Amino acid sequence: MLPLLLVAASVGLSNLAAAIGIGFGGVTTRTRLRVAVVFGAFEAGMPIVGLVIGAGLATGIGQLARWIGAALLIILGGITVLRALRQPVWSAPGQTAPHPAHTMSLGKLIITAFALSLDNLAAGFALGTLNISVAEGAIVIGSVSVLMSLAGLELGGRLGTAAGRRGEQIGGAILVAVGVALAAGVL
């Protein structure tokens, strides 16, 4: 069980980092639920896909998946930063911008989750070598992912509140940084 938990924590680190970025835009109950369900489903599902498609294909896609995932995160983060820069800046003395709840669309959230979980295809093959059932692996990886994502949202939400108006820009920059870290093989 310890190797499975370590694998789950390892693949969940990118979700933690991305959730911090998403949390900068504000955290509502709806955001928590959407991120938990979507990130958890992708993190739990991709290893199963890796087991199903087999070792050869999962290993062959491994490097390419990392680059595709990194590119998607960099693009989404860049779009978020640009969109935030286009919004009016509150400049009246003593007045601050309201901290809006994050409004990432479900489509962008799914793309983000997909990008973060692409490298889990190879993790699915590794699960087979650990003599762990597919169901057990999916449940543990999905659960750890949900917990790490929720922790990231809370941390990002608190940091975003402190950052005020620049929260969404910082959140987008974090998504870009997560994409760069994935490309570099750090996450």
N, C-alpha and C. Protein backbone atom coordinates (compact mmCIF):
# COMPACT_ATOMS: atom_id res chain seq x y z
N MET A 1 0.82 -1.20 0.00
CA MET A 1 0.00 0.00 0.00
C MET A 1 0.86 1.26 0.00
N LEU A 2 2.01 1.22 0.67
CA LEU A 2 2.87 2.41 0.70
C LEU A 2 3.35 2.80 -0.69
N PRO A 3 3.79 1.85 -1.54
CA PRO A 3 4.19 2.26 -2.90
C PRO A 3 3.04 2.93 -3.67
N LEU A 4 1.83 2.43 -3.50
CA LEU A 4 0.68 3.02 -4.18
C LEU A 4 0.44 4.45 -3.68
N LEU A 5 0.52 4.66 -2.38
CA LEU A 5 0.34 6.01 -1.83
C LEU A 5 1.42 6.96 -2.33
N LEU A 6 2.65 6.47 -2.45
CA LEU A 6 3.73 7.31 -2.96
C LEU A 6 3.51 7.67 -4.42
N VAL A 7 3.06 6.70 -5.21
CA VAL A 7 2.75 6.98 -6.62
C VAL A 7 1.61 7.99 -6.70
N ALA A 8 0.58 7.80 -5.88
CA ALA A 8 -0.57 8.71 -5.88
C ALA A 8 -0.14 10.13 -5.49
N ALA A 9 0.70 10.24 -4.48
CA ALA A 9 1.17 11.57 -4.06
C ALA A 9 2.02 12.20 -5.15
N SER A 10 2.83 11.38 -5.80
CA SER A 10 3.70 11.89 -6.85
C SER A 10 2.90 12.45 -8.02
N VAL A 11 1.92 11.70 -8.49
CA VAL A 11 1.12 12.18 -9.63
C VAL A 11 0.16 13.28 -9.20
N GLY A 12 -0.15 13.37 -7.91
CA GLY A 12 -1.05 14.40 -7.42
C GLY A 12 -0.39 15.75 -7.21
N LEU A 13 0.94 15.80 -7.22
CA LEU A 13 1.64 17.07 -7.00
C LEU A 13 1.29 18.12 -8.06
N SER A 14 1.16 17.70 -9.29
CA SER A 14 0.81 18.66 -10.33
C SER A 14 -0.61 19.19 -10.12
N ASN A 15 -1.51 18.35 -9.61
CA ASN A 15 -2.87 18.81 -9.30
C ASN A 15 -2.84 19.81 -8.15
N LEU A 16 -2.02 19.57 -7.15
CA LEU A 16 -1.89 20.50 -6.04
C LEU A 16 -1.45 21.87 -6.55
N ALA A 17 -0.42 21.87 -7.38
CA ALA A 17 0.10 23.14 -7.90
C ALA A 17 -0.93 23.85 -8.77
N ALA A 18 -1.60 23.11 -9.64
CA ALA A 18 -2.61 23.72 -10.51
C ALA A 18 -3.79 24.23 -9.69
N ALA A 19 -4.19 23.48 -8.67
CA ALA A 19 -5.31 23.91 -7.83
C ALA A 19 -4.97 25.19 -7.07
N ILE A 20 -3.71 25.36 -6.68
CA ILE A 20 -3.31 26.62 -6.06
C ILE A 20 -3.56 27.76 -7.05
N GLY A 21 -3.15 27.56 -8.29
CA GLY A 21 -3.37 28.58 -9.32
C GLY A 21 -4.84 28.86 -9.55
N ILE A 22 -5.66 27.82 -9.58
CA ILE A 22 -7.10 28.00 -9.78
C ILE A 22 -7.69 28.73 -8.57
N GLY A 23 -7.23 28.37 -7.38
CA GLY A 23 -7.73 28.97 -6.16
C GLY A 23 -7.48 30.46 -6.05
N PHE A 24 -6.43 30.96 -6.72
CA PHE A 24 -6.13 32.38 -6.68
C PHE A 24 -7.30 33.21 -7.19
N GLY A 25 -8.10 32.65 -8.07
CA GLY A 25 -9.24 33.38 -8.62
C GLY A 25 -10.44 33.40 -7.70
N GLY A 26 -10.35 32.74 -6.56
CA GLY A 26 -11.44 32.67 -5.61
C GLY A 26 -12.00 31.26 -5.53
N VAL A 27 -12.46 30.89 -4.35
CA VAL A 27 -12.93 29.53 -4.14
C VAL A 27 -14.35 29.55 -3.59
N THR A 28 -15.23 28.88 -4.30
CA THR A 28 -16.60 28.71 -3.84
C THR A 28 -16.85 27.22 -3.66
N THR A 29 -17.97 26.89 -3.06
CA THR A 29 -18.32 25.47 -2.89
C THR A 29 -18.43 24.81 -4.26
N ARG A 30 -18.99 25.51 -5.22
CA ARG A 30 -19.12 24.98 -6.58
C ARG A 30 -17.75 24.70 -7.19
N THR A 31 -16.81 25.62 -6.98
CA THR A 31 -15.46 25.42 -7.51
C THR A 31 -14.82 24.20 -6.86
N ARG A 32 -14.95 24.08 -5.56
CA ARG A 32 -14.38 22.93 -4.85
C ARG A 32 -14.92 21.62 -5.42
N LEU A 33 -16.23 21.57 -5.58
CA LEU A 33 -16.87 20.36 -6.07
C LEU A 33 -16.42 20.04 -7.50
N ARG A 34 -16.44 21.05 -8.37
CA ARG A 34 -16.06 20.82 -9.77
C ARG A 34 -14.61 20.35 -9.88
N VAL A 35 -13.70 21.02 -9.19
CA VAL A 35 -12.29 20.65 -9.26
C VAL A 35 -12.08 19.26 -8.68
N ALA A 36 -12.69 18.98 -7.54
CA ALA A 36 -12.53 17.66 -6.91
C ALA A 36 -13.01 16.54 -7.83
N VAL A 37 -14.19 16.72 -8.41
CA VAL A 37 -14.75 15.68 -9.28
C VAL A 37 -13.94 15.52 -10.56
N VAL A 38 -13.64 16.62 -11.23
CA VAL A 38 -12.95 16.54 -12.53
C VAL A 38 -11.51 16.07 -12.35
N PHE A 39 -10.75 16.68 -11.43
CA PHE A 39 -9.37 16.26 -11.22
C PHE A 39 -9.31 14.82 -10.73
N GLY A 40 -10.19 14.47 -9.77
CA GLY A 40 -10.21 13.10 -9.25
C GLY A 40 -10.52 12.07 -10.32
N ALA A 41 -11.51 12.38 -11.16
CA ALA A 41 -11.89 11.44 -12.22
C ALA A 41 -10.75 11.24 -13.22
N PHE A 42 -10.10 12.32 -13.63
CA PHE A 42 -9.00 12.17 -14.59
C PHE A 42 -7.80 11.47 -13.97
N GLU A 43 -7.46 11.81 -12.74
CA GLU A 43 -6.31 11.18 -12.09
C GLU A 43 -6.56 9.69 -11.86
N ALA A 44 -7.79 9.32 -11.53
CA ALA A 44 -8.13 7.92 -11.32
C ALA A 44 -8.28 7.17 -12.64
N GLY A 45 -8.80 7.88 -13.65
CA GLY A 45 -9.09 7.22 -14.92
C GLY A 45 -7.89 6.99 -15.81
N MET A 46 -6.95 7.92 -15.85
CA MET A 46 -5.81 7.78 -16.76
C MET A 46 -4.94 6.55 -16.48
N PRO A 47 -4.66 6.20 -15.21
CA PRO A 47 -3.91 4.96 -14.99
C PRO A 47 -4.66 3.74 -15.52
N ILE A 48 -5.99 3.75 -15.41
CA ILE A 48 -6.77 2.63 -15.94
C ILE A 48 -6.62 2.57 -17.46
N VAL A 49 -6.68 3.73 -18.11
CA VAL A 49 -6.48 3.77 -19.55
C VAL A 49 -5.08 3.23 -19.89
N GLY A 50 -4.08 3.60 -19.08
CA GLY A 50 -2.72 3.10 -19.28
C GLY A 50 -2.64 1.59 -19.18
N LEU A 51 -3.36 1.02 -18.23
CA LEU A 51 -3.39 -0.44 -18.11
C LEU A 51 -4.07 -1.08 -19.30
N VAL A 52 -5.16 -0.46 -19.76
CA VAL A 52 -5.94 -1.02 -20.86
C VAL A 52 -5.17 -0.96 -22.18
N ILE A 53 -4.52 0.15 -22.47
CA ILE A 53 -3.85 0.27 -23.76
C ILE A 53 -2.51 -0.46 -23.81
N GLY A 54 -2.02 -0.85 -22.64
CA GLY A 54 -0.83 -1.69 -22.63
C GLY A 54 0.47 -0.93 -22.48
N ALA A 55 1.46 -1.69 -22.11
CA ALA A 55 2.78 -1.12 -21.78
C ALA A 55 3.44 -0.44 -22.97
N GLY A 56 3.42 -1.05 -24.12
CA GLY A 56 4.11 -0.49 -25.27
C GLY A 56 3.60 0.88 -25.65
N LEU A 57 2.30 0.99 -25.74
CA LEU A 57 1.71 2.26 -26.14
C LEU A 57 1.87 3.32 -25.04
N ALA A 58 1.65 2.91 -23.78
CA ALA A 58 1.78 3.87 -22.67
C ALA A 58 3.20 4.39 -22.58
N THR A 59 4.17 3.51 -22.74
CA THR A 59 5.56 3.94 -22.68
C THR A 59 5.90 4.84 -23.86
N GLY A 60 5.41 4.51 -25.04
CA GLY A 60 5.67 5.32 -26.23
C GLY A 60 5.06 6.70 -26.14
N ILE A 61 3.88 6.79 -25.56
CA ILE A 61 3.20 8.06 -25.43
C ILE A 61 3.77 8.88 -24.28
N GLY A 62 4.41 8.23 -23.32
CA GLY A 62 4.87 8.88 -22.09
C GLY A 62 5.50 10.24 -22.28
N GLN A 63 6.55 10.33 -23.07
CA GLN A 63 7.24 11.61 -23.28
C GLN A 63 6.37 12.60 -24.03
N LEU A 64 5.69 12.15 -25.05
CA LEU A 64 4.82 13.02 -25.82
C LEU A 64 3.68 13.56 -24.95
N ALA A 65 3.13 12.71 -24.09
CA ALA A 65 2.05 13.12 -23.21
C ALA A 65 2.49 14.25 -22.29
N ARG A 66 3.70 14.16 -21.80
CA ARG A 66 4.22 15.20 -20.92
C ARG A 66 4.28 16.54 -21.66
N TRP A 67 4.75 16.51 -22.91
CA TRP A 67 4.86 17.75 -23.70
C TRP A 67 3.51 18.32 -24.07
N ILE A 68 2.56 17.46 -24.42
CA ILE A 68 1.21 17.92 -24.76
C ILE A 68 0.56 18.54 -23.53
N GLY A 69 0.65 17.86 -22.40
CA GLY A 69 0.09 18.38 -21.16
C GLY A 69 0.70 19.72 -20.77
N ALA A 70 2.02 19.81 -20.89
CA ALA A 70 2.71 21.06 -20.56
C ALA A 70 2.25 22.20 -21.47
N ALA A 71 2.14 21.92 -22.76
CA ALA A 71 1.72 22.96 -23.71
C ALA A 71 0.30 23.43 -23.41
N LEU A 72 -0.60 22.50 -23.11
CA LEU A 72 -1.98 22.89 -22.79
C LEU A 72 -2.04 23.78 -21.55
N LEU A 73 -1.27 23.43 -20.52
CA LEU A 73 -1.28 24.24 -19.30
C LEU A 73 -0.68 25.62 -19.54
N ILE A 74 0.39 25.69 -20.31
CA ILE A 74 1.01 26.98 -20.62
C ILE A 74 0.03 27.86 -21.40
N ILE A 75 -0.66 27.27 -22.36
CA ILE A 75 -1.64 28.03 -23.15
C ILE A 75 -2.79 28.51 -22.27
N LEU A 76 -3.36 27.61 -21.45
CA LEU A 76 -4.47 28.01 -20.58
C LEU A 76 -4.04 29.08 -19.58
N GLY A 77 -2.86 28.91 -18.99
CA GLY A 77 -2.35 29.91 -18.05
C GLY A 77 -2.12 31.24 -18.73
N GLY A 78 -1.57 31.22 -19.94
CA GLY A 78 -1.34 32.45 -20.69
C GLY A 78 -2.64 33.16 -21.02
N ILE A 79 -3.66 32.40 -21.41
CA ILE A 79 -4.96 33.00 -21.70
C ILE A 79 -5.55 33.63 -20.44
N THR A 80 -5.40 32.96 -19.31
CA THR A 80 -5.91 33.50 -18.04
C THR A 80 -5.21 34.80 -17.69
N VAL A 81 -3.89 34.85 -17.85
CA VAL A 81 -3.14 36.07 -17.55
C VAL A 81 -3.58 37.20 -18.48
N LEU A 82 -3.68 36.92 -19.77
CA LEU A 82 -4.08 37.95 -20.72
C LEU A 82 -5.49 38.47 -20.44
N ARG A 83 -6.40 37.56 -20.13
CA ARG A 83 -7.77 37.96 -19.82
C ARG A 83 -7.79 38.84 -18.57
N ALA A 84 -7.01 38.49 -17.57
CA ALA A 84 -6.97 39.28 -16.34
C ALA A 84 -6.34 40.65 -16.58
N LEU A 85 -5.36 40.72 -17.46
CA LEU A 85 -4.73 42.01 -17.75
C LEU A 85 -5.68 42.95 -18.48
N ARG A 86 -6.64 42.41 -19.21
CA ARG A 86 -7.59 43.24 -19.96
C ARG A 86 -8.69 43.82 -19.09
N GLN A 87 -8.87 43.27 -17.89
CA GLN A 87 -9.92 43.77 -17.00
C GLN A 87 -9.50 45.12 -16.43
N PRO A 88 -10.48 46.00 -16.16
CA PRO A 88 -10.13 47.31 -15.63
C PRO A 88 -9.47 47.20 -14.26
N VAL A 89 -8.51 48.09 -14.01
CA VAL A 89 -7.80 48.12 -12.75
C VAL A 89 -8.46 49.14 -11.84
N TRP A 90 -8.67 48.78 -10.62
CA TRP A 90 -9.27 49.67 -9.63
C TRP A 90 -8.19 50.64 -9.16
N SER A 91 -8.41 51.91 -9.40
CA SER A 91 -7.37 52.88 -9.08
C SER A 91 -7.82 53.99 -8.15
N ALA A 92 -9.08 53.99 -7.75
CA ALA A 92 -9.54 55.05 -6.85
C ALA A 92 -8.86 54.88 -5.49
N PRO A 93 -8.43 55.97 -4.87
CA PRO A 93 -7.75 55.88 -3.57
C PRO A 93 -8.62 55.18 -2.54
N GLY A 94 -8.02 54.24 -1.84
CA GLY A 94 -8.72 53.52 -0.78
C GLY A 94 -9.70 52.48 -1.27
N GLN A 95 -9.82 52.30 -2.57
CA GLN A 95 -10.78 51.36 -3.11
C GLN A 95 -10.03 50.16 -3.67
N THR A 96 -10.51 48.98 -3.37
CA THR A 96 -9.89 47.77 -3.90
C THR A 96 -10.90 47.02 -4.74
N ALA A 97 -10.39 46.25 -5.63
CA ALA A 97 -11.27 45.45 -6.47
C ALA A 97 -11.89 44.33 -5.65
N PRO A 98 -13.13 44.02 -5.91
CA PRO A 98 -13.71 42.88 -5.23
C PRO A 98 -12.98 41.63 -5.70
N HIS A 99 -12.89 40.65 -4.82
CA HIS A 99 -12.21 39.41 -5.18
C HIS A 99 -13.26 38.44 -5.73
N PRO A 100 -13.37 38.35 -7.07
CA PRO A 100 -14.45 37.54 -7.64
C PRO A 100 -14.18 36.06 -7.45
N ALA A 101 -15.24 35.29 -7.33
CA ALA A 101 -15.09 33.84 -7.28
C ALA A 101 -14.60 33.38 -8.64
N HIS A 102 -13.78 32.35 -8.62
CA HIS A 102 -13.18 31.88 -9.86
C HIS A 102 -14.25 31.40 -10.83
N THR A 103 -14.07 31.73 -12.08
CA THR A 103 -15.09 31.41 -13.07
C THR A 103 -14.55 30.53 -14.20
N MET A 104 -13.59 29.67 -13.91
CA MET A 104 -13.05 28.78 -14.95
C MET A 104 -14.19 27.91 -15.46
N SER A 105 -14.37 27.92 -16.75
CA SER A 105 -15.45 27.13 -17.34
C SER A 105 -15.16 25.65 -17.17
N LEU A 106 -16.21 24.86 -17.25
CA LEU A 106 -16.06 23.42 -17.12
C LEU A 106 -15.16 22.88 -18.22
N GLY A 107 -15.27 23.42 -19.43
CA GLY A 107 -14.42 22.98 -20.53
C GLY A 107 -12.95 23.21 -20.25
N LYS A 108 -12.61 24.40 -19.75
CA LYS A 108 -11.21 24.69 -19.41
C LYS A 108 -10.73 23.82 -18.26
N LEU A 109 -11.62 23.56 -17.30
CA LEU A 109 -11.26 22.70 -16.18
C LEU A 109 -10.97 21.28 -16.67
N ILE A 110 -11.77 20.78 -17.60
CA ILE A 110 -11.55 19.44 -18.15
C ILE A 110 -10.23 19.39 -18.92
N ILE A 111 -9.97 20.42 -19.71
CA ILE A 111 -8.70 20.46 -20.45
C ILE A 111 -7.52 20.49 -19.49
N THR A 112 -7.63 21.26 -18.42
CA THR A 112 -6.57 21.32 -17.41
C THR A 112 -6.37 19.96 -16.77
N ALA A 113 -7.46 19.31 -16.37
CA ALA A 113 -7.36 17.99 -15.74
C ALA A 113 -6.76 16.97 -16.71
N PHE A 114 -7.17 17.03 -17.96
CA PHE A 114 -6.62 16.13 -18.98
C PHE A 114 -5.12 16.35 -19.13
N ALA A 115 -4.72 17.61 -19.23
CA ALA A 115 -3.30 17.93 -19.39
C ALA A 115 -2.49 17.46 -18.19
N LEU A 116 -3.03 17.62 -17.00
CA LEU A 116 -2.31 17.21 -15.80
C LEU A 116 -2.22 15.70 -15.66
N SER A 117 -3.17 14.97 -16.22
CA SER A 117 -3.21 13.53 -16.01
C SER A 117 -2.64 12.71 -17.16
N LEU A 118 -2.22 13.35 -18.24
CA LEU A 118 -1.70 12.59 -19.38
C LEU A 118 -0.52 11.69 -18.99
N ASP A 119 0.36 12.18 -18.12
CA ASP A 119 1.51 11.37 -17.75
C ASP A 119 1.13 10.18 -16.87
N ASN A 120 -0.12 10.11 -16.44
CA ASN A 120 -0.56 8.98 -15.63
C ASN A 120 -0.81 7.72 -16.45
N LEU A 121 -0.76 7.84 -17.78
CA LEU A 121 -0.89 6.64 -18.61
C LEU A 121 0.20 5.64 -18.26
N ALA A 122 1.42 6.11 -18.14
CA ALA A 122 2.54 5.23 -17.79
C ALA A 122 2.41 4.74 -16.35
N ALA A 123 1.84 5.56 -15.47
CA ALA A 123 1.64 5.14 -14.08
C ALA A 123 0.70 3.94 -14.03
N GLY A 124 -0.25 3.89 -14.95
CA GLY A 124 -1.15 2.74 -15.01
C GLY A 124 -0.42 1.46 -15.28
N PHE A 125 0.56 1.51 -16.16
CA PHE A 125 1.36 0.32 -16.41
C PHE A 125 2.14 -0.06 -15.17
N ALA A 126 2.68 0.93 -14.48
CA ALA A 126 3.45 0.66 -13.26
C ALA A 126 2.58 0.00 -12.20
N LEU A 127 1.30 0.35 -12.15
CA LEU A 127 0.41 -0.27 -11.17
C LEU A 127 0.34 -1.78 -11.38
N GLY A 128 0.37 -2.19 -12.62
CA GLY A 128 0.33 -3.62 -12.91
C GLY A 128 1.53 -4.36 -12.34
N THR A 129 2.67 -3.71 -12.27
CA THR A 129 3.87 -4.35 -11.73
C THR A 129 3.87 -4.39 -10.21
N LEU A 130 2.99 -3.64 -9.57
CA LEU A 130 2.94 -3.61 -8.10
C LEU A 130 1.95 -4.63 -7.54
N ASN A 131 1.33 -5.42 -8.38
CA ASN A 131 0.32 -6.40 -7.96
C ASN A 131 -0.82 -5.72 -7.19
N ILE A 132 -1.27 -4.59 -7.72
CA ILE A 132 -2.37 -3.85 -7.14
C ILE A 132 -3.52 -3.91 -8.12
N SER A 133 -4.71 -4.13 -7.59
CA SER A 133 -5.87 -4.19 -8.49
C SER A 133 -6.11 -2.82 -9.11
N VAL A 134 -6.69 -2.84 -10.28
CA VAL A 134 -7.00 -1.60 -10.99
C VAL A 134 -7.95 -0.75 -10.15
N ALA A 135 -8.96 -1.38 -9.57
CA ALA A 135 -9.93 -0.64 -8.77
C ALA A 135 -9.26 0.01 -7.55
N GLU A 136 -8.41 -0.73 -6.86
CA GLU A 136 -7.71 -0.18 -5.70
C GLU A 136 -6.81 0.99 -6.11
N GLY A 137 -6.09 0.82 -7.19
CA GLY A 137 -5.22 1.89 -7.67
C GLY A 137 -6.00 3.13 -8.04
N ALA A 138 -7.10 2.95 -8.75
CA ALA A 138 -7.90 4.09 -9.18
C ALA A 138 -8.51 4.81 -7.98
N ILE A 139 -8.99 4.05 -7.00
CA ILE A 139 -9.61 4.67 -5.82
C ILE A 139 -8.57 5.45 -5.02
N VAL A 140 -7.41 4.85 -4.79
CA VAL A 140 -6.39 5.53 -3.99
C VAL A 140 -5.85 6.76 -4.72
N ILE A 141 -5.52 6.61 -6.01
CA ILE A 141 -4.99 7.75 -6.77
C ILE A 141 -6.03 8.87 -6.88
N GLY A 142 -7.27 8.50 -7.16
CA GLY A 142 -8.33 9.49 -7.25
C GLY A 142 -8.57 10.20 -5.93
N SER A 143 -8.56 9.46 -4.82
CA SER A 143 -8.78 10.05 -3.50
C SER A 143 -7.64 10.99 -3.11
N VAL A 144 -6.42 10.56 -3.32
CA VAL A 144 -5.27 11.42 -3.01
C VAL A 144 -5.31 12.67 -3.88
N SER A 145 -5.67 12.52 -5.14
CA SER A 145 -5.77 13.66 -6.04
C SER A 145 -6.82 14.66 -5.55
N VAL A 146 -7.97 14.16 -5.13
CA VAL A 146 -9.02 15.04 -4.63
C VAL A 146 -8.54 15.80 -3.39
N LEU A 147 -7.92 15.09 -2.45
CA LEU A 147 -7.43 15.74 -1.24
C LEU A 147 -6.37 16.80 -1.55
N MET A 148 -5.44 16.47 -2.43
CA MET A 148 -4.38 17.42 -2.78
C MET A 148 -4.96 18.61 -3.54
N SER A 149 -5.94 18.37 -4.40
CA SER A 149 -6.56 19.46 -5.15
C SER A 149 -7.32 20.41 -4.23
N LEU A 150 -8.07 19.84 -3.28
CA LEU A 150 -8.81 20.68 -2.34
C LEU A 150 -7.87 21.49 -1.45
N ALA A 151 -6.78 20.87 -1.03
CA ALA A 151 -5.78 21.61 -0.24
C ALA A 151 -5.18 22.75 -1.07
N GLY A 152 -4.90 22.48 -2.34
CA GLY A 152 -4.37 23.52 -3.23
C GLY A 152 -5.35 24.65 -3.44
N LEU A 153 -6.64 24.31 -3.60
CA LEU A 153 -7.66 25.35 -3.77
C LEU A 153 -7.73 26.26 -2.54
N GLU A 154 -7.71 25.65 -1.37
CA GLU A 154 -7.79 26.44 -0.14
C GLU A 154 -6.57 27.35 0.00
N LEU A 155 -5.39 26.80 -0.24
CA LEU A 155 -4.18 27.61 -0.15
C LEU A 155 -4.20 28.72 -1.19
N GLY A 156 -4.56 28.38 -2.42
CA GLY A 156 -4.64 29.38 -3.48
C GLY A 156 -5.68 30.44 -3.19
N GLY A 157 -6.83 30.03 -2.62
CA GLY A 157 -7.88 30.99 -2.28
C GLY A 157 -7.41 31.99 -1.24
N ARG A 158 -6.71 31.51 -0.24
CA ARG A 158 -6.20 32.41 0.81
C ARG A 158 -5.13 33.34 0.25
N LEU A 159 -4.24 32.79 -0.56
CA LEU A 159 -3.20 33.64 -1.17
C LEU A 159 -3.83 34.62 -2.15
N GLY A 160 -4.84 34.17 -2.89
CA GLY A 160 -5.52 35.05 -3.84
C GLY A 160 -6.23 36.19 -3.16
N THR A 161 -6.84 35.92 -2.02
CA THR A 161 -7.50 36.99 -1.26
C THR A 161 -6.46 38.02 -0.83
N ALA A 162 -5.31 37.54 -0.38
CA ALA A 162 -4.24 38.45 0.04
C ALA A 162 -3.69 39.23 -1.16
N ALA A 163 -3.67 38.61 -2.34
CA ALA A 163 -3.14 39.26 -3.54
C ALA A 163 -4.13 40.26 -4.13
N GLY A 164 -5.40 40.12 -3.77
CA GLY A 164 -6.42 41.04 -4.26
C GLY A 164 -6.59 40.98 -5.76
N ARG A 165 -6.54 42.13 -6.40
CA ARG A 165 -6.82 42.29 -7.83
C ARG A 165 -5.90 41.46 -8.72
N ARG A 166 -4.71 41.23 -8.28
CA ARG A 166 -3.73 40.50 -9.09
C ARG A 166 -3.87 38.98 -8.96
N GLY A 167 -4.85 38.52 -8.18
CA GLY A 167 -5.01 37.09 -7.93
C GLY A 167 -5.16 36.25 -9.19
N GLU A 168 -6.00 36.70 -10.11
CA GLU A 168 -6.21 35.91 -11.33
C GLU A 168 -4.96 35.90 -12.21
N GLN A 169 -4.24 37.00 -12.25
CA GLN A 169 -2.99 37.04 -13.01
C GLN A 169 -1.97 36.08 -12.41
N ILE A 170 -1.86 36.10 -11.09
CA ILE A 170 -0.92 35.20 -10.42
C ILE A 170 -1.34 33.76 -10.64
N GLY A 171 -2.65 33.48 -10.55
CA GLY A 171 -3.15 32.12 -10.78
C GLY A 171 -2.81 31.62 -12.18
N GLY A 172 -2.98 32.47 -13.19
CA GLY A 172 -2.61 32.09 -14.56
C GLY A 172 -1.12 31.85 -14.68
N ALA A 173 -0.33 32.70 -14.02
CA ALA A 173 1.13 32.52 -14.05
C ALA A 173 1.53 31.20 -13.39
N ILE A 174 0.81 30.81 -12.35
CA ILE A 174 1.10 29.52 -11.70
C ILE A 174 0.80 28.38 -12.66
N LEU A 175 -0.31 28.47 -13.41
CA LEU A 175 -0.60 27.42 -14.40
C LEU A 175 0.50 27.34 -15.45
N VAL A 176 1.01 28.48 -15.89
CA VAL A 176 2.13 28.49 -16.84
C VAL A 176 3.34 27.82 -16.19
N ALA A 177 3.62 28.15 -14.94
CA ALA A 177 4.77 27.56 -14.23
C ALA A 177 4.61 26.05 -14.07
N VAL A 178 3.39 25.58 -13.80
CA VAL A 178 3.16 24.14 -13.70
C VAL A 178 3.41 23.48 -15.05
N GLY A 179 2.98 24.13 -16.13
CA GLY A 179 3.25 23.60 -17.48
C GLY A 179 4.74 23.53 -17.77
N VAL A 180 5.47 24.56 -17.40
CA VAL A 180 6.93 24.57 -17.60
C VAL A 180 7.57 23.47 -16.75
N ALA A 181 7.10 23.31 -15.51
CA ALA A 181 7.65 22.25 -14.64
C ALA A 181 7.37 20.87 -15.22
N LEU A 182 6.18 20.68 -15.79
CA LEU A 182 5.88 19.39 -16.44
C LEU A 182 6.80 19.15 -17.64
N ALA A 183 7.00 20.20 -18.43
CA ALA A 183 7.88 20.06 -19.59
C ALA A 183 9.30 19.74 -19.18
N ALA A 184 9.74 20.33 -18.06
CA ALA A 184 11.10 20.11 -17.58
C ALA A 184 11.25 18.77 -16.85
N GLY A 185 10.13 18.10 -16.58
CA GLY A 185 10.19 16.81 -15.89
C GLY A 185 10.27 16.95 -14.38
N VAL A 186 10.00 18.14 -13.85
CA VAL A 186 10.04 18.35 -12.41
C VAL A 186 8.80 17.79 -11.74
N LEU A 187 7.65 17.92 -12.38
CA LEU A 187 6.40 17.38 -11.84
C LEU A 187 5.98 16.16 -12.63
